[in-house]
Amino acid sequence: MRITDDGQITIPAHIRAILGITPQTDIQFVEEEGRFYIVRNNDLGSKDDLSRFRGIATTGMSTDEILSLTREA
């Protein structure tokens, strides 16, 4: 792995998948005892955390039908 002149690196796809890193994911480098770790910022309510699930539902139901399942009759 090489660092570009701008200081950028490419995180391999399998590591991004393990960490749940998608485009626009906010990450941090954390140092512990002289070692650095990449961690995702855990803002559970953020749009980025949910965006990876957009478009993967295959229920064949309309939005109104899905919402009716979550509402009391």
PDB file of N, CA and C in Angstrom:
ATOM      1  N   MET A   1       0.861  -1.160   0.000  1.00  0.00           N
ATOM      2  CA  MET A   1       0.000   0.000   0.000  1.00  0.00           C
ATOM      3  C   MET A   1       0.907   1.222   0.000  1.00  0.00           C
ATOM      4  N   ARG A   2       0.533   2.191  -0.817  1.00  0.00           N
ATOM      5  CA  ARG A   2       1.332   3.419  -0.909  1.00  0.00           C
ATOM      6  C   ARG A   2       0.486   4.627  -0.540  1.00  0.00           C
ATOM      7  N   ILE A   3       1.159   5.630  -0.052  1.00  0.00           N
ATOM      8  CA  ILE A   3       0.514   6.900   0.265  1.00  0.00           C
ATOM      9  C   ILE A   3       0.760   7.848  -0.903  1.00  0.00           C
ATOM     10  N   THR A   4      -0.301   8.537  -1.365  1.00  0.00           N
ATOM     11  CA  THR A   4      -0.156   9.478  -2.473  1.00  0.00           C
ATOM     12  C   THR A   4       0.569  10.730  -1.992  1.00  0.00           C
ATOM     13  N   ASP A   5       0.926  11.584  -2.940  1.00  0.00           N
ATOM     14  CA  ASP A   5       1.562  12.856  -2.594  1.00  0.00           C
ATOM     15  C   ASP A   5       0.652  13.721  -1.716  1.00  0.00           C
ATOM     16  N   ASP A   6      -0.659  13.497  -1.823  1.00  0.00           N
ATOM     17  CA  ASP A   6      -1.616  14.251  -1.010  1.00  0.00           C
ATOM     18  C   ASP A   6      -1.846  13.624   0.357  1.00  0.00           C
ATOM     19  N   GLY A   7      -1.151  12.503   0.658  1.00  0.00           N
ATOM     20  CA  GLY A   7      -1.315  11.836   1.945  1.00  0.00           C
ATOM     21  C   GLY A   7      -2.498  10.888   1.990  1.00  0.00           C
ATOM     22  N   GLN A   8      -3.019  10.498   0.824  1.00  0.00           N
ATOM     23  CA  GLN A   8      -4.179   9.610   0.786  1.00  0.00           C
ATOM     24  C   GLN A   8      -3.743   8.158   0.624  1.00  0.00           C
ATOM     25  N   ILE A   9      -4.570   7.263   1.176  1.00  0.00           N
ATOM     26  CA  ILE A   9      -4.352   5.829   1.002  1.00  0.00           C
ATOM     27  C   ILE A   9      -5.653   5.198   0.524  1.00  0.00           C
ATOM     28  N   THR A  10      -5.555   4.031  -0.075  1.00  0.00           N
ATOM     29  CA  THR A  10      -6.732   3.266  -0.448  1.00  0.00           C
ATOM     30  C   THR A  10      -6.884   2.132   0.551  1.00  0.00           C
ATOM     31  N   ILE A  11      -8.038   2.091   1.220  1.00  0.00           N
ATOM     32  CA  ILE A  11      -8.324   1.004   2.156  1.00  0.00           C
ATOM     33  C   ILE A  11      -8.863  -0.154   1.323  1.00  0.00           C
ATOM     34  N   PRO A  12      -8.240  -1.326   1.376  1.00  0.00           N
ATOM     35  CA  PRO A  12      -8.701  -2.458   0.567  1.00  0.00           C
ATOM     36  C   PRO A  12     -10.175  -2.786   0.812  1.00  0.00           C
ATOM     37  N   ALA A  13     -10.836  -3.256  -0.239  1.00  0.00           N
ATOM     38  CA  ALA A  13     -12.282  -3.517  -0.200  1.00  0.00           C
ATOM     39  C   ALA A  13     -12.674  -4.464   0.928  1.00  0.00           C
ATOM     40  N   HIS A  14     -11.900  -5.532   1.151  1.00  0.00           N
ATOM     41  CA  HIS A  14     -12.288  -6.491   2.196  1.00  0.00           C
ATOM     42  C   HIS A  14     -12.212  -5.859   3.590  1.00  0.00           C
ATOM     43  N   ILE A  15     -11.303  -4.935   3.795  1.00  0.00           N
ATOM     44  CA  ILE A  15     -11.209  -4.248   5.091  1.00  0.00           C
ATOM     45  C   ILE A  15     -12.369  -3.258   5.233  1.00  0.00           C
ATOM     46  N   ARG A  16     -12.708  -2.537   4.150  1.00  0.00           N
ATOM     47  CA  ARG A  16     -13.860  -1.635   4.198  1.00  0.00           C
ATOM     48  C   ARG A  16     -15.131  -2.407   4.512  1.00  0.00           C
ATOM     49  N   ALA A  17     -15.271  -3.596   3.937  1.00  0.00           N
ATOM     50  CA  ALA A  17     -16.466  -4.413   4.190  1.00  0.00           C
ATOM     51  C   ALA A  17     -16.531  -4.849   5.652  1.00  0.00           C
ATOM     52  N   ILE A  18     -15.412  -5.286   6.204  1.00  0.00           N
ATOM     53  CA  ILE A  18     -15.374  -5.715   7.606  1.00  0.00           C
ATOM     54  C   ILE A  18     -15.735  -4.561   8.542  1.00  0.00           C
ATOM     55  N   LEU A  19     -15.223  -3.369   8.244  1.00  0.00           N
ATOM     56  CA  LEU A  19     -15.459  -2.207   9.101  1.00  0.00           C
ATOM     57  C   LEU A  19     -16.781  -1.506   8.806  1.00  0.00           C
ATOM     58  N   GLY A  20     -17.454  -1.899   7.721  1.00  0.00           N
ATOM     59  CA  GLY A  20     -18.700  -1.230   7.358  1.00  0.00           C
ATOM     60  C   GLY A  20     -18.474   0.170   6.840  1.00  0.00           C
ATOM     61  N   ILE A  21     -17.335   0.380   6.185  1.00  0.00           N
ATOM     62  CA  ILE A  21     -17.002   1.696   5.653  1.00  0.00           C
ATOM     63  C   ILE A  21     -17.517   1.798   4.224  1.00  0.00           C
ATOM     64  N   THR A  22     -18.371   2.797   3.989  1.00  0.00           N
ATOM     65  CA  THR A  22     -18.900   3.084   2.664  1.00  0.00           C
ATOM     66  C   THR A  22     -18.501   4.513   2.302  1.00  0.00           C
ATOM     67  N   PRO A  23     -18.705   4.914   1.042  1.00  0.00           N
ATOM     68  CA  PRO A  23     -18.364   6.304   0.696  1.00  0.00           C
ATOM     69  C   PRO A  23     -19.040   7.283   1.653  1.00  0.00           C
ATOM     70  N   GLN A  24     -18.321   8.296   2.039  1.00  0.00           N
ATOM     71  CA  GLN A  24     -18.755   9.352   2.949  1.00  0.00           C
ATOM     72  C   GLN A  24     -18.827   8.922   4.410  1.00  0.00           C
ATOM     73  N   THR A  25     -18.363   7.705   4.743  1.00  0.00           N
ATOM     74  CA  THR A  25     -18.326   7.277   6.135  1.00  0.00           C
ATOM     75  C   THR A  25     -17.282   8.100   6.878  1.00  0.00           C
ATOM     76  N   ASP A  26     -17.632   8.534   8.056  1.00  0.00           N
ATOM     77  CA  ASP A  26     -16.725   9.301   8.902  1.00  0.00           C
ATOM     78  C   ASP A  26     -15.878   8.322   9.713  1.00  0.00           C
ATOM     79  N   ILE A  27     -14.561   8.416   9.619  1.00  0.00           N
ATOM     80  CA  ILE A  27     -13.673   7.534  10.378  1.00  0.00           C
ATOM     81  C   ILE A  27     -12.691   8.361  11.196  1.00  0.00           C
ATOM     82  N   GLN A  28     -12.060   7.690  12.134  1.00  0.00           N
ATOM     83  CA  GLN A  28     -11.008   8.303  12.944  1.00  0.00           C
ATOM     84  C   GLN A  28      -9.814   7.357  12.993  1.00  0.00           C
ATOM     85  N   PHE A  29      -8.643   7.928  13.177  1.00  0.00           N
ATOM     86  CA  PHE A  29      -7.457   7.129  13.490  1.00  0.00           C
ATOM     87  C   PHE A  29      -7.232   7.269  14.983  1.00  0.00           C
ATOM     88  N   VAL A  30      -7.203   6.141  15.679  1.00  0.00           N
ATOM     89  CA  VAL A  30      -7.050   6.129  17.128  1.00  0.00           C
ATOM     90  C   VAL A  30      -5.699   5.504  17.458  1.00  0.00           C
ATOM     91  N   GLU A  31      -4.940   6.151  18.335  1.00  0.00           N
ATOM     92  CA  GLU A  31      -3.632   5.647  18.735  1.00  0.00           C
ATOM     93  C   GLU A  31      -3.731   5.017  20.117  1.00  0.00           C
ATOM     94  N   GLU A  32      -3.221   3.795  20.221  1.00  0.00           N
ATOM     95  CA  GLU A  32      -3.138   3.102  21.511  1.00  0.00           C
ATOM     96  C   GLU A  32      -1.777   2.426  21.598  1.00  0.00           C
ATOM     97  N   GLU A  33      -1.015   2.819  22.590  1.00  0.00           N
ATOM     98  CA  GLU A  33       0.295   2.216  22.854  1.00  0.00           C
ATOM     99  C   GLU A  33       1.173   2.143  21.607  1.00  0.00           C
ATOM    100  N   GLY A  34       1.206   3.247  20.845  1.00  0.00           N
ATOM    101  CA  GLY A  34       2.072   3.319  19.680  1.00  0.00           C
ATOM    102  C   GLY A  34       1.516   2.688  18.415  1.00  0.00           C
ATOM    103  N   ARG A  35       0.307   2.141  18.470  1.00  0.00           N
ATOM    104  CA  ARG A  35      -0.338   1.561  17.282  1.00  0.00           C
ATOM    105  C   ARG A  35      -1.548   2.414  16.922  1.00  0.00           C
ATOM    106  N   PHE A  36      -1.822   2.486  15.629  1.00  0.00           N
ATOM    107  CA  PHE A  36      -2.970   3.257  15.160  1.00  0.00           C
ATOM    108  C   PHE A  36      -4.034   2.319  14.614  1.00  0.00           C
ATOM    109  N   TYR A  37      -5.285   2.664  14.893  1.00  0.00           N
ATOM    110  CA  TYR A  37      -6.429   1.878  14.462  1.00  0.00           C
ATOM    111  C   TYR A  37      -7.398   2.775  13.710  1.00  0.00           C
ATOM    112  N   ILE A  38      -8.066   2.220  12.709  1.00  0.00           N
ATOM    113  CA  ILE A  38      -9.128   2.935  12.004  1.00  0.00           C
ATOM    114  C   ILE A  38     -10.440   2.520  12.640  1.00  0.00           C
ATOM    115  N   VAL A  39     -11.220   3.489  13.072  1.00  0.00           N
ATOM    116  CA  VAL A  39     -12.529   3.198  13.646  1.00  0.00           C
ATOM    117  C   VAL A  39     -13.566   4.119  13.018  1.00  0.00           C
ATOM    118  N   ARG A  40     -14.780   3.602  12.864  1.00  0.00           N
ATOM    119  CA  ARG A  40     -15.885   4.423  12.368  1.00  0.00           C
ATOM    120  C   ARG A  40     -16.412   5.264  13.504  1.00  0.00           C
ATOM    121  N   ASN A  41     -16.837   6.478  13.190  1.00  0.00           N
ATOM    122  CA  ASN A  41     -17.546   7.285  14.179  1.00  0.00           C
ATOM    123  C   ASN A  41     -18.929   6.677  14.327  1.00  0.00           C
ATOM    124  N   ASN A  42     -19.332   6.398  15.541  1.00  0.00           N
ATOM    125  CA  ASN A  42     -20.604   5.709  15.782  1.00  0.00           C
ATOM    126  C   ASN A  42     -21.721   6.696  16.094  1.00  0.00           C
ATOM    127  N   ASP A  43     -22.134   7.429  15.086  1.00  0.00           N
ATOM    128  CA  ASP A  43     -23.292   8.311  15.214  1.00  0.00           C
ATOM    129  C   ASP A  43     -24.480   7.521  14.686  1.00  0.00           C
ATOM    130  N   LEU A  44     -25.146   6.770  15.573  1.00  0.00           N
ATOM    131  CA  LEU A  44     -26.158   5.808  15.161  1.00  0.00           C
ATOM    132  C   LEU A  44     -27.316   6.407  14.388  1.00  0.00           C
ATOM    133  N   GLY A  45     -27.604   7.665  14.587  1.00  0.00           N
ATOM    134  CA  GLY A  45     -28.722   8.269  13.884  1.00  0.00           C
ATOM    135  C   GLY A  45     -28.341   8.904  12.561  1.00  0.00           C
ATOM    136  N   SER A  46     -27.115   8.742  12.126  1.00  0.00           N
ATOM    137  CA  SER A  46     -26.674   9.451  10.932  1.00  0.00           C
ATOM    138  C   SER A  46     -27.192   8.813   9.655  1.00  0.00           C
ATOM    139  N   LYS A  47     -27.313   9.640   8.648  1.00  0.00           N
ATOM    140  CA  LYS A  47     -27.763   9.193   7.333  1.00  0.00           C
ATOM    141  C   LYS A  47     -26.784   8.168   6.767  1.00  0.00           C
ATOM    142  N   ASP A  48     -25.486   8.365   6.992  1.00  0.00           N
ATOM    143  CA  ASP A  48     -24.471   7.478   6.427  1.00  0.00           C
ATOM    144  C   ASP A  48     -24.622   6.040   6.915  1.00  0.00           C
ATOM    145  N   ASP A  49     -24.985   5.851   8.174  1.00  0.00           N
ATOM    146  CA  ASP A  49     -25.129   4.500   8.699  1.00  0.00           C
ATOM    147  C   ASP A  49     -26.254   3.747   8.014  1.00  0.00           C
ATOM    148  N   LEU A  50     -27.296   4.450   7.619  1.00  0.00           N
ATOM    149  CA  LEU A  50     -28.441   3.803   6.995  1.00  0.00           C
ATOM    150  C   LEU A  50     -28.346   3.761   5.481  1.00  0.00           C
ATOM    151  N   SER A  51     -27.527   4.607   4.879  1.00  0.00           N
ATOM    152  CA  SER A  51     -27.478   4.691   3.422  1.00  0.00           C
ATOM    153  C   SER A  51     -27.027   3.393   2.768  1.00  0.00           C
ATOM    154  N   ARG A  52     -26.235   2.598   3.448  1.00  0.00           N
ATOM    155  CA  ARG A  52     -25.787   1.343   2.845  1.00  0.00           C
ATOM    156  C   ARG A  52     -26.928   0.336   2.683  1.00  0.00           C
ATOM    157  N   PHE A  53     -28.054   0.561   3.389  1.00  0.00           N
ATOM    158  CA  PHE A  53     -29.196  -0.337   3.278  1.00  0.00           C
ATOM    159  C   PHE A  53     -30.211   0.125   2.233  1.00  0.00           C
ATOM    160  N   ARG A  54     -30.033   1.348   1.708  1.00  0.00           N
ATOM    161  CA  ARG A  54     -30.988   1.896   0.756  1.00  0.00           C
ATOM    162  C   ARG A  54     -31.067   1.013  -0.486  1.00  0.00           C
ATOM    163  N   GLY A  55     -32.291   0.643  -0.857  1.00  0.00           N
ATOM    164  CA  GLY A  55     -32.508  -0.100  -2.087  1.00  0.00           C
ATOM    165  C   GLY A  55     -32.300  -1.595  -2.001  1.00  0.00           C
ATOM    166  N   ILE A  56     -32.112  -2.162  -0.802  1.00  0.00           N
ATOM    167  CA  ILE A  56     -31.855  -3.604  -0.724  1.00  0.00           C
ATOM    168  C   ILE A  56     -33.072  -4.418  -0.310  1.00  0.00           C
ATOM    169  N   ALA A  57     -34.151  -3.743   0.076  1.00  0.00           N
ATOM    170  CA  ALA A  57     -35.358  -4.483   0.470  1.00  0.00           C
ATOM    171  C   ALA A  57     -36.007  -5.110  -0.762  1.00  0.00           C
ATOM    172  N   THR A  58     -36.430  -6.343  -0.638  1.00  0.00           N
ATOM    173  CA  THR A  58     -37.025  -7.039  -1.770  1.00  0.00           C
ATOM    174  C   THR A  58     -38.366  -7.652  -1.377  1.00  0.00           C
ATOM    175  N   THR A  59     -39.178  -6.882  -0.652  1.00  0.00           N
ATOM    176  CA  THR A  59     -40.448  -7.418  -0.171  1.00  0.00           C
ATOM    177  C   THR A  59     -41.518  -7.439  -1.237  1.00  0.00           C
ATOM    178  N   GLY A  60     -41.390  -6.605  -2.267  1.00  0.00           N
ATOM    179  CA  GLY A  60     -42.423  -6.498  -3.277  1.00  0.00           C
ATOM    180  C   GLY A  60     -43.625  -5.707  -2.792  1.00  0.00           C
ATOM    181  N   MET A  61     -43.493  -5.073  -1.621  1.00  0.00           N
ATOM    182  CA  MET A  61     -44.589  -4.295  -1.042  1.00  0.00           C
ATOM    183  C   MET A  61     -44.344  -2.811  -1.299  1.00  0.00           C
ATOM    184  N   SER A  62     -45.436  -2.060  -1.352  1.00  0.00           N
ATOM    185  CA  SER A  62     -45.309  -0.609  -1.495  1.00  0.00           C
ATOM    186  C   SER A  62     -44.911  -0.013  -0.139  1.00  0.00           C
ATOM    187  N   THR A  63     -44.474   1.236  -0.179  1.00  0.00           N
ATOM    188  CA  THR A  63     -44.112   1.931   1.059  1.00  0.00           C
ATOM    189  C   THR A  63     -45.308   2.007   1.997  1.00  0.00           C
ATOM    190  N   ASP A  64     -46.490   2.314   1.440  1.00  0.00           N
ATOM    191  CA  ASP A  64     -47.699   2.394   2.273  1.00  0.00           C
ATOM    192  C   ASP A  64     -48.013   1.051   2.931  1.00  0.00           C
ATOM    193  N   GLU A  65     -47.831  -0.040   2.214  1.00  0.00           N
ATOM    194  CA  GLU A  65     -48.094  -1.367   2.782  1.00  0.00           C
ATOM    195  C   GLU A  65     -47.112  -1.672   3.921  1.00  0.00           C
ATOM    196  N   ILE A  66     -45.862  -1.310   3.723  1.00  0.00           N
ATOM    197  CA  ILE A  66     -44.852  -1.536   4.764  1.00  0.00           C
ATOM    198  C   ILE A  66     -45.170  -0.697   5.997  1.00  0.00           C
ATOM    199  N   LEU A  67     -45.498   0.580   5.781  1.00  0.00           N
ATOM    200  CA  LEU A  67     -45.807   1.455   6.909  1.00  0.00           C
ATOM    201  C   LEU A  67     -47.052   1.000   7.651  1.00  0.00           C
ATOM    202  N   SER A  68     -48.023   0.441   6.943  1.00  0.00           N
ATOM    203  CA  SER A  68     -49.227  -0.023   7.624  1.00  0.00           C
ATOM    204  C   SER A  68     -48.928  -1.167   8.584  1.00  0.00           C
ATOM    205  N   LEU A  69     -47.862  -1.930   8.321  1.00  0.00           N
ATOM    206  CA  LEU A  69     -47.467  -2.996   9.230  1.00  0.00           C
ATOM    207  C   LEU A  69     -46.908  -2.473  10.547  1.00  0.00           C
ATOM    208  N   THR A  70     -46.437  -1.220  10.530  1.00  0.00           N
ATOM    209  CA  THR A  70     -45.827  -0.651  11.738  1.00  0.00           C
ATOM    210  C   THR A  70     -46.805   0.182  12.545  1.00  0.00           C
ATOM    211  N   ARG A  71     -47.993   0.394  12.007  1.00  0.00           N
ATOM    212  CA  ARG A  71     -48.983   1.216  12.693  1.00  0.00           C
ATOM    213  C   ARG A  71     -50.058   0.353  13.318  1.00  0.00           C
ATOM    214  N   GLU A  72     -50.607   0.877  14.391  1.00  0.00           N
ATOM    215  CA  GLU A  72     -51.713   0.159  15.039  1.00  0.00           C
ATOM    216  C   GLU A  72     -52.963   0.288  14.187  1.00  0.00           C
ATOM    217  N   ALA A  73     -53.760  -0.735  14.181  1.00  0.00           N
ATOM    218  CA  ALA A  73     -54.995  -0.734  13.372  1.00  0.00           C
ATOM    219  C   ALA A  73     -56.071   0.087  14.003  1.00  0.00           C
TER     220      ALA A  73
END
